[in-house]
Amino acid sequence: MPAIDIVLVAPIYEGNVGFCARVMKNFGFDRLVLIDPCPLGNEAKARASHAQDVLAAAETCSIEDVFSRSNIVVATTGTVSKSVCHAMRMPFYSPKELRERVKDADGRISILFGRENWGLNNEEVKRSDVICTIPTAEEYPILNLSHAVGIVCYELADMPLPAFQLASPTDMGYLYSHIDRYLDTIHHPAFKRENTMILIRRILGRANLTTREASTLHGLLRRSEWHMDPSSLDRDKTGSRNLENGEDTGPDPQDHENEGQ
């Protein structure tokens, strides 16, 4: 199974942190990550019960650290979009559906759980790759933090050995940057840019790209860029002459064999 980090973002109550450690251990998880947590003391230890090892080993870091090192970041939320036209919290998956999407992946998956009073903010959700929500009754949809962690851990427990390695966070960062530049190249309307990039992150986030697949998308973008502006790739003189003579040869595949052409 992939390496799964349970990430509590700015938890308010130390008792909840302890309960989260306990329920994580119930289902075989031990990678607890805390972002800007409240002070932890005796109550957290008492609520953790026999999961003192999980609580003691909890890592404290920044949200930037989480995004920079994770192959997939999952945002959990009780508030989802009502229409696919609003990409911020759409599409969304239940914990059971999330299991099916990540069970064969080899990489680091961080699952974000928000603050007890108002959850994750829009920026944290926007930057995440996948949205997960727990089906609940409409009249009272918001779960206690540790209950939400427990349900997700239950559904993700005992996954099989991974079948493939995910593209690294660095690979995906370069790809998103390349796509953003490409939108400039094709004069994509500025007022649509943010929503378009969120949609692209949602699409690629649930695709579980391998390094090779990410490289292939880079190659396709570069080939398209070359046809629009050959000088953008600093082509050799022969290639430039062929283009001037009307011979649209495109980039030599040998030049980009590592880009997954």
C-alpha atoms as a PDB file:
ATOM      1  CA  MET A   1       0.000   0.000   0.000  1.00  0.00           C
ATOM      2  CA  PRO A   2       1.163   3.587  -0.459  1.00  0.00           C
ATOM      3  CA  ALA A   3       2.674   5.498   2.453  1.00  0.00           C
ATOM      4  CA  ILE A   4      -0.270   7.371   3.938  1.00  0.00           C
ATOM      5  CA  ASP A   5       0.135  10.450   6.132  1.00  0.00           C
ATOM      6  CA  ILE A   6      -2.832  11.498   8.253  1.00  0.00           C
ATOM      7  CA  VAL A   7      -2.441  15.289   8.350  1.00  0.00           C
ATOM      8  CA  LEU A   8      -4.321  17.344  10.939  1.00  0.00           C
ATOM      9  CA  VAL A   9      -4.392  21.000   9.908  1.00  0.00           C
ATOM     10  CA  ALA A  10      -4.390  23.372  12.886  1.00  0.00           C
ATOM     11  CA  PRO A  11      -6.266  21.094  15.329  1.00  0.00           C
ATOM     12  CA  ILE A  12      -7.826  23.094  18.169  1.00  0.00           C
ATOM     13  CA  TYR A  13      -8.328  20.464  20.865  1.00  0.00           C
ATOM     14  CA  GLU A  14      -5.531  18.236  22.129  1.00  0.00           C
ATOM     15  CA  GLY A  15      -8.029  15.526  23.058  1.00  0.00           C
ATOM     16  CA  ASN A  16      -8.980  15.174  19.407  1.00  0.00           C
ATOM     17  CA  VAL A  17      -5.332  14.736  18.444  1.00  0.00           C
ATOM     18  CA  GLY A  18      -5.039  11.935  20.983  1.00  0.00           C
ATOM     19  CA  PHE A  19      -8.221  10.274  19.747  1.00  0.00           C
ATOM     20  CA  CYS A  20      -6.917  10.501  16.157  1.00  0.00           C
ATOM     21  CA  ALA A  21      -3.691   8.758  17.153  1.00  0.00           C
ATOM     22  CA  ARG A  22      -5.730   6.025  18.835  1.00  0.00           C
ATOM     23  CA  VAL A  23      -8.054   5.358  15.912  1.00  0.00           C
ATOM     24  CA  MET A  24      -5.123   5.425  13.474  1.00  0.00           C
ATOM     25  CA  LYS A  25      -3.441   2.636  15.416  1.00  0.00           C
ATOM     26  CA  ASN A  26      -6.713   0.698  15.487  1.00  0.00           C
ATOM     27  CA  PHE A  27      -6.480   0.368  11.708  1.00  0.00           C
ATOM     28  CA  GLY A  28      -2.717   0.003  11.340  1.00  0.00           C
ATOM     29  CA  PHE A  29      -1.681   3.583  10.522  1.00  0.00           C
ATOM     30  CA  ASP A  30       1.166   5.334  12.318  1.00  0.00           C
ATOM     31  CA  ARG A  31       2.139   8.384  10.223  1.00  0.00           C
ATOM     32  CA  LEU A  32       0.520  11.321  12.032  1.00  0.00           C
ATOM     33  CA  VAL A  33       1.431  14.809  10.795  1.00  0.00           C
ATOM     34  CA  LEU A  34       0.443  18.007  12.599  1.00  0.00           C
ATOM     35  CA  ILE A  35       0.226  21.458  11.001  1.00  0.00           C
ATOM     36  CA  ASP A  36       0.238  24.344  13.490  1.00  0.00           C
ATOM     37  CA  PRO A  37      -1.264  22.221  16.292  1.00  0.00           C
ATOM     38  CA  CYS A  38      -2.543  23.299  19.683  1.00  0.00           C
ATOM     39  CA  PRO A  39      -0.254  22.495  22.637  1.00  0.00           C
ATOM     40  CA  LEU A  40      -0.300  18.774  23.429  1.00  0.00           C
ATOM     41  CA  GLY A  41      -0.220  17.599  27.010  1.00  0.00           C
ATOM     42  CA  ASN A  42      -1.780  15.104  29.378  1.00  0.00           C
ATOM     43  CA  GLU A  43      -5.207  15.110  27.774  1.00  0.00           C
ATOM     44  CA  ALA A  44      -3.792  14.160  24.367  1.00  0.00           C
ATOM     45  CA  LYS A  45      -1.827  11.336  25.992  1.00  0.00           C
ATOM     46  CA  ALA A  46      -4.871  10.113  27.900  1.00  0.00           C
ATOM     47  CA  ARG A  47      -7.067  10.092  24.786  1.00  0.00           C
ATOM     48  CA  ALA A  48      -4.398   8.286  22.776  1.00  0.00           C
ATOM     49  CA  SER A  49      -4.561   5.373  25.238  1.00  0.00           C
ATOM     50  CA  HIS A  50      -2.354   2.573  23.836  1.00  0.00           C
ATOM     51  CA  ALA A  51      -1.302   4.675  20.819  1.00  0.00           C
ATOM     52  CA  GLN A  52       1.344   6.630  22.728  1.00  0.00           C
ATOM     53  CA  ASP A  53       3.888   5.617  20.100  1.00  0.00           C
ATOM     54  CA  VAL A  54       1.821   7.163  17.289  1.00  0.00           C
ATOM     55  CA  LEU A  55       1.307  10.371  19.259  1.00  0.00           C
ATOM     56  CA  ALA A  56       4.970  10.624  20.306  1.00  0.00           C
ATOM     57  CA  ALA A  57       6.161  10.065  16.733  1.00  0.00           C
ATOM     58  CA  ALA A  58       3.833  12.696  15.259  1.00  0.00           C
ATOM     59  CA  GLU A  59       5.670  15.062  12.937  1.00  0.00           C
ATOM     60  CA  THR A  60       5.076  18.797  13.108  1.00  0.00           C
ATOM     61  CA  CYS A  61       5.719  20.647   9.856  1.00  0.00           C
ATOM     62  CA  SER A  62       4.261  23.289   7.552  1.00  0.00           C
ATOM     63  CA  ILE A  63       1.533  22.885   4.975  1.00  0.00           C
ATOM     64  CA  GLU A  64       4.132  23.773   2.347  1.00  0.00           C
ATOM     65  CA  ASP A  65       6.210  20.777   3.442  1.00  0.00           C
ATOM     66  CA  VAL A  66       3.202  18.524   2.950  1.00  0.00           C
ATOM     67  CA  PHE A  67       2.445  19.775  -0.562  1.00  0.00           C
ATOM     68  CA  SER A  68       6.087  19.710  -1.654  1.00  0.00           C
ATOM     69  CA  ARG A  69       6.751  16.087  -0.683  1.00  0.00           C
ATOM     70  CA  SER A  70       3.428  14.347  -1.392  1.00  0.00           C
ATOM     71  CA  ASN A  71       2.667  12.487  -4.602  1.00  0.00           C
ATOM     72  CA  ILE A  72      -1.052  12.945  -3.965  1.00  0.00           C
ATOM     73  CA  VAL A  73      -2.738  15.334  -1.529  1.00  0.00           C
ATOM     74  CA  VAL A  74      -6.320  14.506  -0.565  1.00  0.00           C
ATOM     75  CA  ALA A  75      -8.526  17.201   0.964  1.00  0.00           C
ATOM     76  CA  THR A  76     -11.357  15.949   3.171  1.00  0.00           C
ATOM     77  CA  THR A  77     -14.379  18.193   3.408  1.00  0.00           C
ATOM     78  CA  GLY A  78     -18.006  18.128   4.452  1.00  0.00           C
ATOM     79  CA  THR A  79     -18.809  20.895   1.960  1.00  0.00           C
ATOM     80  CA  VAL A  80     -18.798  19.922  -1.698  1.00  0.00           C
ATOM     81  CA  SER A  81     -19.738  21.661  -4.934  1.00  0.00           C
ATOM     82  CA  LYS A  82     -23.260  21.180  -6.257  1.00  0.00           C
ATOM     83  CA  SER A  83     -22.208  21.491  -9.889  1.00  0.00           C
ATOM     84  CA  VAL A  84     -19.245  20.380 -11.993  1.00  0.00           C
ATOM     85  CA  CYS A  85     -18.987  24.008 -13.105  1.00  0.00           C
ATOM     86  CA  HIS A  86     -17.538  24.793  -9.678  1.00  0.00           C
ATOM     87  CA  ALA A  87     -14.235  22.933  -9.671  1.00  0.00           C
ATOM     88  CA  MET A  88     -13.019  23.881  -6.196  1.00  0.00           C
ATOM     89  CA  ARG A  89     -14.716  20.932  -4.444  1.00  0.00           C
ATOM     90  CA  MET A  90     -15.661  18.771  -7.410  1.00  0.00           C
ATOM     91  CA  PRO A  91     -15.451  15.949  -8.301  1.00  0.00           C
ATOM     92  CA  PHE A  92     -15.419  14.289  -4.903  1.00  0.00           C
ATOM     93  CA  TYR A  93     -15.053  10.715  -3.716  1.00  0.00           C
ATOM     94  CA  SER A  94     -16.150   8.758  -0.689  1.00  0.00           C
ATOM     95  CA  PRO A  95     -13.420   7.042   1.376  1.00  0.00           C
ATOM     96  CA  LYS A  96     -14.372   3.717  -0.249  1.00  0.00           C
ATOM     97  CA  GLU A  97     -14.018   5.241  -3.722  1.00  0.00           C
ATOM     98  CA  LEU A  98     -10.735   6.850  -2.678  1.00  0.00           C
ATOM     99  CA  ARG A  99      -9.364   3.417  -1.824  1.00  0.00           C
ATOM    100  CA  GLU A 100     -10.060   2.207  -5.360  1.00  0.00           C
ATOM    101  CA  ARG A 101      -8.249   5.212  -6.810  1.00  0.00           C
ATOM    102  CA  VAL A 102      -5.036   4.864  -4.791  1.00  0.00           C
ATOM    103  CA  LYS A 103      -4.737   1.182  -3.884  1.00  0.00           C
ATOM    104  CA  ASP A 104      -2.280   0.329  -6.697  1.00  0.00           C
ATOM    105  CA  ALA A 105      -0.135   3.457  -6.365  1.00  0.00           C
ATOM    106  CA  ASP A 106       3.340   3.529  -4.835  1.00  0.00           C
ATOM    107  CA  GLY A 107       4.104   6.928  -3.327  1.00  0.00           C
ATOM    108  CA  ARG A 108       3.346   9.288  -0.481  1.00  0.00           C
ATOM    109  CA  ILE A 109      -0.299  10.207  -0.027  1.00  0.00           C
ATOM    110  CA  SER A 110      -1.228  12.937   2.440  1.00  0.00           C
ATOM    111  CA  ILE A 111      -4.823  13.139   3.621  1.00  0.00           C
ATOM    112  CA  LEU A 112      -5.726  16.552   5.024  1.00  0.00           C
ATOM    113  CA  PHE A 113      -8.264  16.927   7.829  1.00  0.00           C
ATOM    114  CA  GLY A 114      -9.299  20.481   8.625  1.00  0.00           C
ATOM    115  CA  ARG A 115      -9.852  22.530  11.747  1.00  0.00           C
ATOM    116  CA  GLU A 116     -12.653  21.437  14.064  1.00  0.00           C
ATOM    117  CA  ASN A 117     -14.480  24.762  13.760  1.00  0.00           C
ATOM    118  CA  TRP A 118     -14.347  25.436  10.010  1.00  0.00           C
ATOM    119  CA  GLY A 119     -12.345  22.761   8.216  1.00  0.00           C
ATOM    120  CA  LEU A 120      -9.878  23.404   5.412  1.00  0.00           C
ATOM    121  CA  ASN A 121      -9.713  26.807   3.755  1.00  0.00           C
ATOM    122  CA  ASN A 122     -10.235  27.329   0.031  1.00  0.00           C
ATOM    123  CA  GLU A 123      -6.520  27.635  -0.703  1.00  0.00           C
ATOM    124  CA  GLU A 124      -5.784  24.277   0.935  1.00  0.00           C
ATOM    125  CA  VAL A 125      -8.616  22.634  -0.984  1.00  0.00           C
ATOM    126  CA  LYS A 126      -7.643  24.292  -4.267  1.00  0.00           C
ATOM    127  CA  ARG A 127      -4.056  23.030  -4.075  1.00  0.00           C
ATOM    128  CA  SER A 128      -5.109  19.459  -3.288  1.00  0.00           C
ATOM    129  CA  ASP A 129      -5.259  16.799  -5.995  1.00  0.00           C
ATOM    130  CA  VAL A 130      -8.324  14.853  -4.872  1.00  0.00           C
ATOM    131  CA  ILE A 131     -11.432  15.739  -2.843  1.00  0.00           C
ATOM    132  CA  CYS A 132     -12.858  13.224  -0.376  1.00  0.00           C
ATOM    133  CA  THR A 133     -16.106  13.526   1.548  1.00  0.00           C
ATOM    134  CA  ILE A 134     -17.826  11.121   3.935  1.00  0.00           C
ATOM    135  CA  PRO A 135     -21.499  10.475   3.114  1.00  0.00           C
ATOM    136  CA  THR A 136     -23.595  11.694   6.052  1.00  0.00           C
ATOM    137  CA  ALA A 137     -27.154  12.741   6.866  1.00  0.00           C
ATOM    138  CA  GLU A 138     -28.058  16.119   5.391  1.00  0.00           C
ATOM    139  CA  GLU A 139     -29.451  17.450   8.654  1.00  0.00           C
ATOM    140  CA  TYR A 140     -26.113  17.010  10.452  1.00  0.00           C
ATOM    141  CA  PRO A 141     -23.280  16.308   7.999  1.00  0.00           C
ATOM    142  CA  ILE A 142     -20.214  17.420  10.004  1.00  0.00           C
ATOM    143  CA  LEU A 143     -18.305  14.702  11.865  1.00  0.00           C
ATOM    144  CA  ASN A 144     -16.030  14.935  14.872  1.00  0.00           C
ATOM    145  CA  LEU A 145     -12.405  15.081  13.706  1.00  0.00           C
ATOM    146  CA  SER A 146     -11.371  11.704  15.118  1.00  0.00           C
ATOM    147  CA  HIS A 147     -14.542  10.051  13.763  1.00  0.00           C
ATOM    148  CA  ALA A 148     -13.704  11.303  10.275  1.00  0.00           C
ATOM    149  CA  VAL A 149     -10.129  10.049  10.602  1.00  0.00           C
ATOM    150  CA  GLY A 150     -11.420   6.685  11.796  1.00  0.00           C
ATOM    151  CA  ILE A 151     -13.793   6.222   8.856  1.00  0.00           C
ATOM    152  CA  VAL A 152     -11.110   7.085   6.309  1.00  0.00           C
ATOM    153  CA  CYS A 153      -8.541   4.821   7.997  1.00  0.00           C
ATOM    154  CA  TYR A 154     -11.047   1.963   8.110  1.00  0.00           C
ATOM    155  CA  GLU A 155     -11.676   2.197   4.377  1.00  0.00           C
ATOM    156  CA  LEU A 156      -7.973   2.452   3.502  1.00  0.00           C
ATOM    157  CA  ALA A 157      -6.711  -0.296   5.821  1.00  0.00           C
ATOM    158  CA  ASP A 158      -4.951  -3.404   4.478  1.00  0.00           C
ATOM    159  CA  MET A 159      -4.491  -2.256   0.894  1.00  0.00           C
ATOM    160  CA  PRO A 160      -2.442  -4.555  -1.359  1.00  0.00           C
ATOM    161  CA  LEU A 161       1.166  -3.969  -2.351  1.00  0.00           C
ATOM    162  CA  PRO A 162       1.451  -1.121  -4.886  1.00  0.00           C
ATOM    163  CA  ALA A 163       1.627  -1.914  -8.578  1.00  0.00           C
ATOM    164  CA  PHE A 164       3.333   1.240  -9.899  1.00  0.00           C
ATOM    165  CA  GLN A 165       5.376   4.244  -8.775  1.00  0.00           C
ATOM    166  CA  LEU A 166       3.665   7.621  -8.904  1.00  0.00           C
ATOM    167  CA  ALA A 167       5.269  10.655 -10.498  1.00  0.00           C
ATOM    168  CA  SER A 168       7.154  12.629  -7.871  1.00  0.00           C
ATOM    169  CA  PRO A 169       5.871  15.938  -6.457  1.00  0.00           C
ATOM    170  CA  THR A 170       8.690  17.659  -8.365  1.00  0.00           C
ATOM    171  CA  ASP A 171       7.634  16.001 -11.640  1.00  0.00           C
ATOM    172  CA  MET A 172       4.038  17.089 -11.147  1.00  0.00           C
ATOM    173  CA  GLY A 173       5.086  20.601 -10.142  1.00  0.00           C
ATOM    174  CA  TYR A 174       7.043  20.972 -13.378  1.00  0.00           C
ATOM    175  CA  LEU A 175       4.105  19.645 -15.369  1.00  0.00           C
ATOM    176  CA  TYR A 176       1.617  22.088 -13.804  1.00  0.00           C
ATOM    177  CA  SER A 177       4.064  24.944 -14.440  1.00  0.00           C
ATOM    178  CA  HIS A 178       4.464  23.837 -18.051  1.00  0.00           C
ATOM    179  CA  ILE A 179       0.692  23.704 -18.536  1.00  0.00           C
ATOM    180  CA  ASP A 180       0.366  27.175 -17.014  1.00  0.00           C
ATOM    181  CA  ARG A 181       2.965  28.535 -19.458  1.00  0.00           C
ATOM    182  CA  TYR A 182       1.236  26.737 -22.314  1.00  0.00           C
ATOM    183  CA  LEU A 183      -1.997  28.550 -21.481  1.00  0.00           C
ATOM    184  CA  ASP A 184      -0.062  31.796 -21.931  1.00  0.00           C
ATOM    185  CA  THR A 185       1.178  30.571 -25.307  1.00  0.00           C
ATOM    186  CA  ILE A 186      -2.332  29.874 -26.594  1.00  0.00           C
ATOM    187  CA  HIS A 187      -3.652  33.145 -25.118  1.00  0.00           C
ATOM    188  CA  HIS A 188      -6.027  31.449 -22.734  1.00  0.00           C
ATOM    189  CA  PRO A 189      -8.249  34.130 -21.150  1.00  0.00           C
ATOM    190  CA  ALA A 190      -6.745  35.406 -17.906  1.00  0.00           C
ATOM    191  CA  PHE A 191     -10.106  35.489 -16.124  1.00  0.00           C
ATOM    192  CA  LYS A 192     -10.489  31.731 -16.705  1.00  0.00           C
ATOM    193  CA  ARG A 193      -6.959  30.786 -15.672  1.00  0.00           C
ATOM    194  CA  GLU A 194      -7.454  29.962 -11.999  1.00  0.00           C
ATOM    195  CA  ASN A 195     -10.496  27.761 -12.555  1.00  0.00           C
ATOM    196  CA  THR A 196      -8.842  26.048 -15.522  1.00  0.00           C
ATOM    197  CA  MET A 197      -5.757  25.170 -13.463  1.00  0.00           C
ATOM    198  CA  ILE A 198      -7.960  23.802 -10.669  1.00  0.00           C
ATOM    199  CA  LEU A 199      -9.774  21.616 -13.218  1.00  0.00           C
ATOM    200  CA  ILE A 200      -6.460  20.385 -14.622  1.00  0.00           C
ATOM    201  CA  ARG A 201      -5.221  19.565 -11.113  1.00  0.00           C
ATOM    202  CA  ARG A 202      -8.424  17.612 -10.433  1.00  0.00           C
ATOM    203  CA  ILE A 203      -8.075  15.666 -13.706  1.00  0.00           C
ATOM    204  CA  LEU A 204      -4.408  14.822 -13.284  1.00  0.00           C
ATOM    205  CA  GLY A 205      -4.742  14.320  -9.534  1.00  0.00           C
ATOM    206  CA  ARG A 206      -7.169  11.453  -9.966  1.00  0.00           C
ATOM    207  CA  ALA A 207      -5.188  10.019 -12.904  1.00  0.00           C
ATOM    208  CA  ASN A 208      -2.320   8.856 -10.634  1.00  0.00           C
ATOM    209  CA  LEU A 209       0.304   9.648 -13.266  1.00  0.00           C
ATOM    210  CA  THR A 210       3.592   7.764 -13.410  1.00  0.00           C
ATOM    211  CA  THR A 211       6.838   9.599 -14.169  1.00  0.00           C
ATOM    212  CA  ARG A 212       6.722   8.278 -17.726  1.00  0.00           C
ATOM    213  CA  GLU A 213       3.167   9.528 -18.239  1.00  0.00           C
ATOM    214  CA  ALA A 214       4.025  12.984 -16.889  1.00  0.00           C
ATOM    215  CA  SER A 215       7.014  13.047 -19.250  1.00  0.00           C
ATOM    216  CA  THR A 216       4.766  12.104 -22.174  1.00  0.00           C
ATOM    217  CA  LEU A 217       2.493  15.070 -21.479  1.00  0.00           C
ATOM    218  CA  HIS A 218       5.554  17.345 -21.375  1.00  0.00           C
ATOM    219  CA  GLY A 219       6.577  15.952 -24.764  1.00  0.00           C
ATOM    220  CA  LEU A 220       3.172  16.564 -26.311  1.00  0.00           C
ATOM    221  CA  LEU A 221       3.119  20.142 -25.037  1.00  0.00           C
ATOM    222  CA  ARG A 222       6.639  20.767 -26.357  1.00  0.00           C
ATOM    223  CA  ARG A 223       5.773  19.378 -29.786  1.00  0.00           C
ATOM    224  CA  SER A 224       2.718  21.616 -29.940  1.00  0.00           C
ATOM    225  CA  GLU A 225       4.814  24.611 -28.830  1.00  0.00           C
ATOM    226  CA  TRP A 226       7.408  23.842 -31.505  1.00  0.00           C
ATOM    227  CA  HIS A 227       4.777  23.820 -34.266  1.00  0.00           C
ATOM    228  CA  MET A 228       3.519  27.211 -33.076  1.00  0.00           C
ATOM    229  CA  ASP A 229       7.008  28.697 -32.659  1.00  0.00           C
ATOM    230  CA  PRO A 230      10.019  26.593 -33.752  1.00  0.00           C
ATOM    231  CA  SER A 231      12.453  29.059 -32.164  1.00  0.00           C
ATOM    232  CA  SER A 232      11.002  28.245 -28.744  1.00  0.00           C
ATOM    233  CA  LEU A 233      12.991  25.017 -28.684  1.00  0.00           C
ATOM    234  CA  ASP A 234      16.106  26.458 -30.338  1.00  0.00           C
ATOM    235  CA  ARG A 235      15.923  24.043 -33.272  1.00  0.00           C
ATOM    236  CA  ASP A 236      19.009  23.348 -35.371  1.00  0.00           C
ATOM    237  CA  LYS A 237      19.558  25.071 -38.707  1.00  0.00           C
ATOM    238  CA  THR A 238      18.425  22.042 -40.712  1.00  0.00           C
ATOM    239  CA  GLY A 239      15.113  21.937 -38.945  1.00  0.00           C
ATOM    240  CA  SER A 240      14.617  25.666 -39.493  1.00  0.00           C
ATOM    241  CA  ARG A 241      15.442  25.377 -43.209  1.00  0.00           C
ATOM    242  CA  ASN A 242      13.005  22.492 -43.635  1.00  0.00           C
ATOM    243  CA  LEU A 243      10.260  24.570 -42.043  1.00  0.00           C
ATOM    244  CA  GLU A 244      11.057  27.547 -44.270  1.00  0.00           C
ATOM    245  CA  ASN A 245      10.833  25.248 -47.320  1.00  0.00           C
ATOM    246  CA  GLY A 246       7.413  24.057 -46.293  1.00  0.00           C
ATOM    247  CA  GLU A 247       8.570  20.702 -44.927  1.00  0.00           C
ATOM    248  CA  ASP A 248       6.847  20.403 -41.560  1.00  0.00           C
ATOM    249  CA  THR A 249       9.113  17.728 -40.136  1.00  0.00           C
ATOM    250  CA  GLY A 250       8.522  18.564 -36.455  1.00  0.00           C
ATOM    251  CA  PRO A 251      11.086  17.815 -33.781  1.00  0.00           C
ATOM    252  CA  ASP A 252      13.280  14.791 -34.332  1.00  0.00           C
ATOM    253  CA  PRO A 253      11.941  12.034 -32.048  1.00  0.00           C
ATOM    254  CA  GLN A 254      15.545  11.230 -31.109  1.00  0.00           C
ATOM    255  CA  ASP A 255      15.804  14.674 -29.517  1.00  0.00           C
ATOM    256  CA  HIS A 256      12.999  13.907 -27.063  1.00  0.00           C
ATOM    257  CA  GLU A 257      13.127  10.170 -26.563  1.00  0.00           C
ATOM    258  CA  ASN A 258      13.022  10.724 -22.810  1.00  0.00           C
ATOM    259  CA  GLU A 259       9.881  12.833 -23.021  1.00  0.00           C
ATOM    260  CA  GLY A 260       7.584   9.911 -23.794  1.00  0.00           C
ATOM    261  CA  GLN A 261       6.826  10.889 -27.402  1.00  0.00           C
END
